[in-house]
PDB file of N, CA and C in Angstrom:
ATOM      1  N   UNK A   1      22.634 -36.399  -6.769  1.00  0.00           N
ATOM      2  CA  UNK A   1      23.249 -37.369  -5.878  1.00  0.00           C
ATOM      3  C   UNK A   1      24.643 -37.757  -6.363  1.00  0.00           C
ATOM      4  N   UNK A   2      24.773 -37.952  -7.694  1.00  0.00           N
ATOM      5  CA  UNK A   2      26.082 -38.306  -8.247  1.00  0.00           C
ATOM      6  C   UNK A   2      27.098 -37.199  -8.005  1.00  0.00           C
ATOM      7  N   UNK A   3      26.633 -35.948  -8.090  1.00  0.00           N
ATOM      8  CA  UNK A   3      27.540 -34.822  -7.858  1.00  0.00           C
ATOM      9  C   UNK A   3      28.049 -34.797  -6.420  1.00  0.00           C
ATOM     10  N   UNK A   4      27.187 -35.125  -5.488  1.00  0.00           N
ATOM     11  CA  UNK A   4      27.588 -35.144  -4.077  1.00  0.00           C
ATOM     12  C   UNK A   4      28.616 -36.244  -3.840  1.00  0.00           C
ATOM     13  N   UNK A   5      28.360 -37.417  -4.361  1.00  0.00           N
ATOM     14  CA  UNK A   5      29.297 -38.535  -4.208  1.00  0.00           C
ATOM     15  C   UNK A   5      30.635 -38.186  -4.850  1.00  0.00           C
ATOM     16  N   UNK A   6      30.587 -37.611  -6.038  1.00  0.00           N
ATOM     17  CA  UNK A   6      31.811 -37.218  -6.732  1.00  0.00           C
ATOM     18  C   UNK A   6      32.583 -36.193  -5.900  1.00  0.00           C
ATOM     19  N   UNK A   7      31.887 -35.210  -5.347  1.00  0.00           N
ATOM     20  CA  UNK A   7      32.540 -34.177  -4.542  1.00  0.00           C
ATOM     21  C   UNK A   7      33.188 -34.771  -3.296  1.00  0.00           C
ATOM     22  N   UNK A   8      32.509 -35.694  -2.656  1.00  0.00           N
ATOM     23  CA  UNK A   8      33.050 -36.338  -1.458  1.00  0.00           C
ATOM     24  C   UNK A   8      34.302 -37.150  -1.805  1.00  0.00           C
ATOM     25  N   UNK A   9      34.227 -37.909  -2.882  1.00  0.00           N
ATOM     26  CA  UNK A   9      35.380 -38.724  -3.294  1.00  0.00           C
ATOM     27  C   UNK A   9      36.555 -37.828  -3.659  1.00  0.00           C
ATOM     28  N   UNK A  10      36.300 -36.761  -4.407  1.00  0.00           N
ATOM     29  CA  UNK A  10      37.382 -35.849  -4.784  1.00  0.00           C
ATOM     30  C   UNK A  10      37.991 -35.186  -3.548  1.00  0.00           C
ATOM     31  N   UNK A  11      37.153 -34.808  -2.620  1.00  0.00           N
ATOM     32  CA  UNK A  11      37.649 -34.209  -1.378  1.00  0.00           C
ATOM     33  C   UNK A  11      38.535 -35.168  -0.607  1.00  0.00           C
ATOM     34  N   UNK A  12      38.121 -36.420  -0.560  1.00  0.00           N
ATOM     35  CA  UNK A  12      38.918 -37.422   0.149  1.00  0.00           C
ATOM     36  C   UNK A  12      40.259 -37.644  -0.564  1.00  0.00           C
ATOM     37  N   UNK A  13      40.242 -37.665  -1.876  1.00  0.00           N
ATOM     38  CA  UNK A  13      41.483 -37.845  -2.625  1.00  0.00           C
ATOM     39  C   UNK A  13      42.426 -36.676  -2.426  1.00  0.00           C
ATOM     40  N   UNK A  14      41.881 -35.481  -2.423  1.00  0.00           N
ATOM     41  CA  UNK A  14      42.715 -34.298  -2.214  1.00  0.00           C
ATOM     42  C   UNK A  14      43.318 -34.319  -0.820  1.00  0.00           C
ATOM     43  N   UNK A  15      42.510 -34.618   0.186  1.00  0.00           N
ATOM     44  CA  UNK A  15      43.023 -34.669   1.551  1.00  0.00           C
ATOM     45  C   UNK A  15      44.067 -35.765   1.714  1.00  0.00           C
ATOM     46  N   UNK A  16      43.792 -36.922   1.167  1.00  0.00           N
ATOM     47  CA  UNK A  16      44.727 -38.031   1.265  1.00  0.00           C
ATOM     48  C   UNK A  16      46.021 -37.701   0.542  1.00  0.00           C
ATOM     49  N   UNK A  17      45.911 -37.117  -0.623  1.00  0.00           N
ATOM     50  CA  UNK A  17      47.104 -36.726  -1.377  1.00  0.00           C
ATOM     51  C   UNK A  17      47.903 -35.679  -0.638  1.00  0.00           C
ATOM     52  N   UNK A  18      47.230 -34.740  -0.016  1.00  0.00           N
ATOM     53  CA  UNK A  18      47.928 -33.709   0.748  1.00  0.00           C
ATOM     54  C   UNK A  18      48.675 -34.288   1.923  1.00  0.00           C
ATOM     55  N   UNK A  19      48.091 -35.276   2.576  1.00  0.00           N
ATOM     56  CA  UNK A  19      48.766 -35.896   3.698  1.00  0.00           C
ATOM     57  C   UNK A  19      49.910 -36.783   3.237  1.00  0.00           C
ATOM     58  N   UNK A  20      49.724 -37.435   2.123  1.00  0.00           N
ATOM     59  CA  UNK A  20      50.752 -38.352   1.641  1.00  0.00           C
ATOM     60  C   UNK A  20      51.973 -37.617   1.129  1.00  0.00           C
ATOM     61  N   UNK A  21      51.777 -36.437   0.530  1.00  0.00           N
ATOM     62  CA  UNK A  21      52.889 -35.734  -0.066  1.00  0.00           C
ATOM     63  C   UNK A  21      53.397 -34.584   0.789  1.00  0.00           C
ATOM     64  N   UNK A  22      52.777 -34.335   1.931  1.00  0.00           N
ATOM     65  CA  UNK A  22      53.223 -33.271   2.808  1.00  0.00           C
ATOM     66  C   UNK A  22      54.590 -33.586   3.396  1.00  0.00           C
ATOM     67  N   UNK A  23      55.247 -32.589   3.862  1.00  0.00           N
ATOM     68  CA  UNK A  23      56.556 -32.801   4.447  1.00  0.00           C
ATOM     69  C   UNK A  23      57.229 -31.479   4.713  1.00  0.00           C
ATOM     70  N   UNK A  24      58.501 -31.544   4.994  1.00  0.00           N
ATOM     71  CA  UNK A  24      59.245 -30.328   5.293  1.00  0.00           C
ATOM     72  C   UNK A  24      59.216 -29.392   4.096  1.00  0.00           C
ATOM     73  N   UNK A  25      59.163 -28.087   4.371  1.00  0.00           N
ATOM     74  CA  UNK A  25      59.223 -27.139   3.270  1.00  0.00           C
ATOM     75  C   UNK A  25      60.556 -27.260   2.522  1.00  0.00           C
ATOM     76  N   UNK A  26      60.485 -27.220   1.221  1.00  0.00           N
ATOM     77  CA  UNK A  26      61.685 -27.337   0.387  1.00  0.00           C
ATOM     78  C   UNK A  26      62.450 -26.019   0.373  1.00  0.00           C
ATOM     79  N   UNK A  27      63.715 -26.112   0.068  1.00  0.00           N
ATOM     80  CA  UNK A  27      64.531 -24.934  -0.193  1.00  0.00           C
ATOM     81  C   UNK A  27      64.860 -24.972  -1.676  1.00  0.00           C
ATOM     82  N   UNK A  28      63.949 -24.453  -2.498  1.00  0.00           N
ATOM     83  CA  UNK A  28      64.068 -24.618  -3.936  1.00  0.00           C
ATOM     84  C   UNK A  28      63.921 -23.322  -4.718  1.00  0.00           C
ATOM     85  N   UNK A  29      64.219 -22.198  -4.068  1.00  0.00           N
ATOM     86  CA  UNK A  29      64.223 -20.916  -4.756  1.00  0.00           C
ATOM     87  C   UNK A  29      65.669 -20.472  -4.898  1.00  0.00           C
ATOM     88  N   UNK A  30      66.055 -20.074  -6.097  1.00  0.00           N
ATOM     89  CA  UNK A  30      67.427 -19.650  -6.355  1.00  0.00           C
ATOM     90  C   UNK A  30      67.730 -18.312  -5.685  1.00  0.00           C
ATOM     91  N   UNK A  31      68.722 -18.282  -4.785  1.00  0.00           N
ATOM     92  CA  UNK A  31      69.110 -17.012  -4.175  1.00  0.00           C
ATOM     93  C   UNK A  31      69.684 -16.019  -5.186  1.00  0.00           C
ATOM     94  N   UNK A  32      70.221 -16.528  -6.285  1.00  0.00           N
ATOM     95  CA  UNK A  32      70.771 -15.629  -7.311  1.00  0.00           C
ATOM     96  C   UNK A  32      69.662 -14.930  -8.090  1.00  0.00           C
ATOM     97  N   UNK A  33      68.575 -15.660  -8.363  1.00  0.00           N
ATOM     98  CA  UNK A  33      67.472 -15.079  -9.129  1.00  0.00           C
ATOM     99  C   UNK A  33      66.496 -14.298  -8.261  1.00  0.00           C
ATOM    100  N   UNK A  34      66.234 -14.794  -7.066  1.00  0.00           N
ATOM    101  CA  UNK A  34      65.241 -14.194  -6.171  1.00  0.00           C
ATOM    102  C   UNK A  34      65.767 -14.187  -4.735  1.00  0.00           C
ATOM    103  N   UNK A  35      66.724 -13.305  -4.427  1.00  0.00           N
ATOM    104  CA  UNK A  35      67.351 -13.350  -3.102  1.00  0.00           C
ATOM    105  C   UNK A  35      66.384 -13.144  -1.936  1.00  0.00           C
ATOM    106  N   UNK A  36      65.428 -12.247  -2.079  1.00  0.00           N
ATOM    107  CA  UNK A  36      64.500 -11.993  -0.974  1.00  0.00           C
ATOM    108  C   UNK A  36      63.537 -13.148  -0.766  1.00  0.00           C
ATOM    109  N   UNK A  37      63.031 -13.702  -1.858  1.00  0.00           N
ATOM    110  CA  UNK A  37      62.124 -14.847  -1.731  1.00  0.00           C
ATOM    111  C   UNK A  37      62.863 -16.073  -1.204  1.00  0.00           C
ATOM    112  N   UNK A  38      64.109 -16.263  -1.626  1.00  0.00           N
ATOM    113  CA  UNK A  38      64.908 -17.380  -1.118  1.00  0.00           C
ATOM    114  C   UNK A  38      65.160 -17.215   0.380  1.00  0.00           C
ATOM    115  N   UNK A  39      65.425 -15.992   0.814  1.00  0.00           N
ATOM    116  CA  UNK A  39      65.639 -15.731   2.247  1.00  0.00           C
ATOM    117  C   UNK A  39      64.352 -15.995   3.034  1.00  0.00           C
ATOM    118  N   UNK A  40      63.219 -15.571   2.485  1.00  0.00           N
ATOM    119  CA  UNK A  40      61.936 -15.817   3.155  1.00  0.00           C
ATOM    120  C   UNK A  40      61.671 -17.315   3.254  1.00  0.00           C
ATOM    121  N   UNK A  41      61.992 -18.048   2.201  1.00  0.00           N
ATOM    122  CA  UNK A  41      61.798 -19.496   2.212  1.00  0.00           C
ATOM    123  C   UNK A  41      62.700 -20.150   3.258  1.00  0.00           C
ATOM    124  N   UNK A  42      63.917 -19.679   3.361  1.00  0.00           N
ATOM    125  CA  UNK A  42      64.844 -20.223   4.362  1.00  0.00           C
ATOM    126  C   UNK A  42      64.330 -19.968   5.780  1.00  0.00           C
ATOM    127  N   UNK A  43      63.814 -18.774   6.018  1.00  0.00           N
ATOM    128  CA  UNK A  43      63.263 -18.460   7.344  1.00  0.00           C
ATOM    129  C   UNK A  43      62.028 -19.308   7.648  1.00  0.00           C
ATOM    130  N   UNK A  44      61.219 -19.541   6.629  1.00  0.00           N
ATOM    131  CA  UNK A  44      60.050 -20.401   6.796  1.00  0.00           C
ATOM    132  C   UNK A  44      60.483 -21.809   7.198  1.00  0.00           C
ATOM    133  N   UNK A  45      61.523 -22.306   6.552  1.00  0.00           N
ATOM    134  CA  UNK A  45      62.051 -23.638   6.873  1.00  0.00           C
ATOM    135  C   UNK A  45      62.614 -23.674   8.293  1.00  0.00           C
ATOM    136  N   UNK A  46      63.300 -22.593   8.696  1.00  0.00           N
ATOM    137  CA  UNK A  46      63.835 -22.534  10.062  1.00  0.00           C
ATOM    138  C   UNK A  46      62.710 -22.568  11.085  1.00  0.00           C
ATOM    139  N   UNK A  47      61.644 -21.837  10.818  1.00  0.00           N
ATOM    140  CA  UNK A  47      60.498 -21.847  11.732  1.00  0.00           C
ATOM    141  C   UNK A  47      59.895 -23.238  11.824  1.00  0.00           C
ATOM    142  N   UNK A  48      59.759 -23.900  10.691  1.00  0.00           N
ATOM    143  CA  UNK A  48      59.229 -25.265  10.650  1.00  0.00           C
ATOM    144  C   UNK A  48      60.100 -26.193  11.501  1.00  0.00           C
ATOM    145  N   UNK A  49      61.419 -26.089  11.337  1.00  0.00           N
ATOM    146  CA  UNK A  49      62.345 -26.939  12.090  1.00  0.00           C
ATOM    147  C   UNK A  49      62.273 -26.667  13.591  1.00  0.00           C
ATOM    148  N   UNK A  50      62.111 -25.406  13.973  1.00  0.00           N
ATOM    149  CA  UNK A  50      62.006 -25.059  15.400  1.00  0.00           C
ATOM    150  C   UNK A  50      60.716 -25.607  15.996  1.00  0.00           C
ATOM    151  N   UNK A  51      59.630 -25.561  15.246  1.00  0.00           N
ATOM    152  CA  UNK A  51      58.376 -26.131  15.731  1.00  0.00           C
ATOM    153  C   UNK A  51      58.526 -27.639  15.903  1.00  0.00           C
ATOM    154  N   UNK A  52      59.173 -28.292  14.941  1.00  0.00           N
ATOM    155  CA  UNK A  52      59.405 -29.742  15.046  1.00  0.00           C
ATOM    156  C   UNK A  52      60.233 -30.065  16.286  1.00  0.00           C
ATOM    157  N   UNK A  53      61.266 -29.273  16.524  1.00  0.00           N
ATOM    158  CA  UNK A  53      62.111 -29.497  17.702  1.00  0.00           C
ATOM    159  C   UNK A  53      61.315 -29.315  18.994  1.00  0.00           C
ATOM    160  N   UNK A  54      60.440 -28.317  19.011  1.00  0.00           N
ATOM    161  CA  UNK A  54      59.606 -28.092  20.197  1.00  0.00           C
ATOM    162  C   UNK A  54      58.654 -29.257  20.412  1.00  0.00           C
ATOM    163  N   UNK A  55      58.093 -29.777  19.333  1.00  0.00           N
ATOM    164  CA  UNK A  55      57.194 -30.925  19.451  1.00  0.00           C
ATOM    165  C   UNK A  55      57.936 -32.131  20.019  1.00  0.00           C
ATOM    166  N   UNK A  56      59.139 -32.378  19.533  1.00  0.00           N
ATOM    167  CA  UNK A  56      59.912 -33.526  20.004  1.00  0.00           C
ATOM    168  C   UNK A  56      60.355 -33.353  21.449  1.00  0.00           C
ATOM    169  N   UNK A  57      60.774 -32.156  21.807  1.00  0.00           N
ATOM    170  CA  UNK A  57      61.251 -31.902  23.170  1.00  0.00           C
ATOM    171  C   UNK A  57      60.127 -32.013  24.190  1.00  0.00           C
ATOM    172  N   UNK A  58      58.958 -31.564  23.817  1.00  0.00           N
ATOM    173  CA  UNK A  58      57.827 -31.558  24.747  1.00  0.00           C
ATOM    174  C   UNK A  58      56.947 -32.786  24.620  1.00  0.00           C
ATOM    175  N   UNK A  59      57.141 -33.547  23.542  1.00  0.00           N
ATOM    176  CA  UNK A  59      56.361 -34.751  23.296  1.00  0.00           C
ATOM    177  C   UNK A  59      54.853 -34.481  23.307  1.00  0.00           C
ATOM    178  N   UNK A  60      54.477 -33.340  22.764  1.00  0.00           N
ATOM    179  CA  UNK A  60      53.063 -33.012  22.613  1.00  0.00           C
ATOM    180  C   UNK A  60      52.922 -32.046  21.458  1.00  0.00           C
ATOM    181  N   UNK A  61      51.713 -31.827  21.023  1.00  0.00           N
ATOM    182  CA  UNK A  61      51.473 -31.041  19.825  1.00  0.00           C
ATOM    183  C   UNK A  61      50.687 -29.769  20.109  1.00  0.00           C
ATOM    184  N   UNK A  62      50.616 -29.353  21.355  1.00  0.00           N
ATOM    185  CA  UNK A  62      49.903 -28.116  21.706  1.00  0.00           C
ATOM    186  C   UNK A  62      48.486 -28.114  21.139  1.00  0.00           C
ATOM    187  N   UNK A  63      47.784 -29.201  21.398  1.00  0.00           N
ATOM    188  CA  UNK A  63      46.391 -29.361  20.963  1.00  0.00           C
ATOM    189  C   UNK A  63      46.229 -29.216  19.447  1.00  0.00           C
ATOM    190  N   UNK A  64      47.240 -29.622  18.706  1.00  0.00           N
ATOM    191  CA  UNK A  64      47.178 -29.576  17.253  1.00  0.00           C
ATOM    192  C   UNK A  64      47.635 -28.269  16.644  1.00  0.00           C
ATOM    193  N   UNK A  65      47.872 -27.257  17.457  1.00  0.00           N
ATOM    194  CA  UNK A  65      48.262 -25.950  16.937  1.00  0.00           C
ATOM    195  C   UNK A  65      49.659 -25.962  16.324  1.00  0.00           C
ATOM    196  N   UNK A  66      50.559 -26.711  16.911  1.00  0.00           N
ATOM    197  CA  UNK A  66      51.911 -26.787  16.355  1.00  0.00           C
ATOM    198  C   UNK A  66      51.871 -27.421  14.966  1.00  0.00           C
ATOM    199  N   UNK A  67      51.119 -28.486  14.802  1.00  0.00           N
ATOM    200  CA  UNK A  67      51.013 -29.121  13.487  1.00  0.00           C
ATOM    201  C   UNK A  67      50.325 -28.195  12.492  1.00  0.00           C
ATOM    202  N   UNK A  68      49.322 -27.472  12.949  1.00  0.00           N
ATOM    203  CA  UNK A  68      48.636 -26.522  12.061  1.00  0.00           C
ATOM    204  C   UNK A  68      49.612 -25.442  11.604  1.00  0.00           C
ATOM    205  N   UNK A  69      50.459 -24.967  12.507  1.00  0.00           N
ATOM    206  CA  UNK A  69      51.457 -23.962  12.137  1.00  0.00           C
ATOM    207  C   UNK A  69      52.417 -24.523  11.092  1.00  0.00           C
ATOM    208  N   UNK A  70      52.815 -25.787  11.269  1.00  0.00           N
ATOM    209  CA  UNK A  70      53.698 -26.415  10.285  1.00  0.00           C
ATOM    210  C   UNK A  70      53.011 -26.549   8.936  1.00  0.00           C
ATOM    211  N   UNK A  71      51.739 -26.895   8.940  1.00  0.00           N
ATOM    212  CA  UNK A  71      50.980 -27.003   7.693  1.00  0.00           C
ATOM    213  C   UNK A  71      50.923 -25.651   6.976  1.00  0.00           C
ATOM    214  N   UNK A  72      50.710 -24.585   7.745  1.00  0.00           N
ATOM    215  CA  UNK A  72      50.645 -23.254   7.150  1.00  0.00           C
ATOM    216  C   UNK A  72      52.008 -22.822   6.608  1.00  0.00           C
ATOM    217  N   UNK A  73      53.082 -23.220   7.281  1.00  0.00           N
ATOM    218  CA  UNK A  73      54.416 -22.909   6.769  1.00  0.00           C
ATOM    219  C   UNK A  73      54.689 -23.652   5.468  1.00  0.00           C
ATOM    220  N   UNK A  74      54.207 -24.873   5.361  1.00  0.00           N
ATOM    221  CA  UNK A  74      54.347 -25.614   4.098  1.00  0.00           C
ATOM    222  C   UNK A  74      53.588 -24.887   2.988  1.00  0.00           C
ATOM    223  N   UNK A  75      52.393 -24.407   3.316  1.00  0.00           N
ATOM    224  CA  UNK A  75      51.592 -23.674   2.338  1.00  0.00           C
ATOM    225  C   UNK A  75      52.298 -22.375   1.942  1.00  0.00           C
ATOM    226  N   UNK A  76      52.844 -21.661   2.916  1.00  0.00           N
ATOM    227  CA  UNK A  76      53.578 -20.428   2.626  1.00  0.00           C
ATOM    228  C   UNK A  76      54.778 -20.719   1.735  1.00  0.00           C
ATOM    229  N   UNK A  77      55.448 -21.814   1.997  1.00  0.00           N
ATOM    230  CA  UNK A  77      56.601 -22.205   1.189  1.00  0.00           C
ATOM    231  C   UNK A  77      56.187 -22.436  -0.261  1.00  0.00           C
ATOM    232  N   UNK A  78      55.081 -23.114  -0.456  1.00  0.00           N
ATOM    233  CA  UNK A  78      54.581 -23.356  -1.812  1.00  0.00           C
ATOM    234  C   UNK A  78      54.261 -22.035  -2.517  1.00  0.00           C
ATOM    235  N   UNK A  79      53.674 -21.099  -1.790  1.00  0.00           N
ATOM    236  CA  UNK A  79      53.343 -19.797  -2.366  1.00  0.00           C
ATOM    237  C   UNK A  79      54.603 -19.001  -2.709  1.00  0.00           C
ATOM    238  N   UNK A  80      55.625 -19.107  -1.869  1.00  0.00           N
ATOM    239  CA  UNK A  80      56.886 -18.427  -2.166  1.00  0.00           C
ATOM    240  C   UNK A  80      57.499 -18.967  -3.455  1.00  0.00           C
ATOM    241  N   UNK A  81      57.436 -20.271  -3.643  1.00  0.00           N
ATOM    242  CA  UNK A  81      57.957 -20.879  -4.868  1.00  0.00           C
ATOM    243  C   UNK A  81      57.183 -20.375  -6.078  1.00  0.00           C
ATOM    244  N   UNK A  82      55.863 -20.308  -5.963  1.00  0.00           N
ATOM    245  CA  UNK A  82      55.043 -19.789  -7.057  1.00  0.00           C
ATOM    246  C   UNK A  82      55.364 -18.329  -7.339  1.00  0.00           C
ATOM    247  N   UNK A  83      55.614 -17.551  -6.296  1.00  0.00           N
ATOM    248  CA  UNK A  83      55.982 -16.150  -6.477  1.00  0.00           C
ATOM    249  C   UNK A  83      57.311 -16.038  -7.216  1.00  0.00           C
ATOM    250  N   UNK A  84      58.271 -16.886  -6.863  1.00  0.00           N
ATOM    251  CA  UNK A  84      59.567 -16.878  -7.549  1.00  0.00           C
ATOM    252  C   UNK A  84      59.398 -17.257  -9.011  1.00  0.00           C
ATOM    253  N   UNK A  85      58.583 -18.259  -9.275  1.00  0.00           N
ATOM    254  CA  UNK A  85      58.348 -18.656 -10.666  1.00  0.00           C
ATOM    255  C   UNK A  85      57.690 -17.539 -11.463  1.00  0.00           C
ATOM    256  N   UNK A  86      56.745 -16.856 -10.841  1.00  0.00           N
ATOM    257  CA  UNK A  86      56.071 -15.730 -11.510  1.00  0.00           C
ATOM    258  C   UNK A  86      57.070 -14.598 -11.780  1.00  0.00           C
ATOM    259  N   UNK A  87      57.926 -14.338 -10.806  1.00  0.00           N
ATOM    260  CA  UNK A  87      58.936 -13.295 -10.996  1.00  0.00           C
ATOM    261  C   UNK A  87      59.893 -13.662 -12.108  1.00  0.00           C
ATOM    262  N   UNK A  88      60.247 -14.932 -12.190  1.00  0.00           N
ATOM    263  CA  UNK A  88      61.186 -15.383 -13.222  1.00  0.00           C
ATOM    264  C   UNK A  88      60.585 -15.249 -14.613  1.00  0.00           C
ATOM    265  N   UNK A  89      59.296 -15.505 -14.740  1.00  0.00           N
ATOM    266  CA  UNK A  89      58.675 -15.427 -16.072  1.00  0.00           C
ATOM    267  C   UNK A  89      58.418 -13.987 -16.492  1.00  0.00           C
ATOM    268  N   UNK A  90      58.333 -13.061 -15.529  1.00  0.00           N
ATOM    269  CA  UNK A  90      58.067 -11.667 -15.877  1.00  0.00           C
ATOM    270  C   UNK A  90      59.350 -10.896 -16.166  1.00  0.00           C
ATOM    271  N   UNK A  91      60.502 -11.497 -15.951  1.00  0.00           N
ATOM    272  CA  UNK A  91      61.782 -10.807 -16.195  1.00  0.00           C
ATOM    273  C   UNK A  91      62.137 -10.823 -17.652  1.00  0.00           C
TER     274      UNK A  91
END
């Protein structure tokens, strides 16, 4: 029973933390060190911005799909940063 309660509380903290710290994808990959990953990150940010503009222009969220797409772009951005860091340490 304690394990279930602990798992539920941890899940809630993770979800709450994810919502509290979520936001626009960062542009934090060095184009000099990782030009392709930096370009991919920039395109990801452009896609995020276009989705935001579409949401504002239409004043709707396409049944949550637009927000889900933005969430996935944030996740992709985080993975691109991790890929750049991995590339930097292997050089």
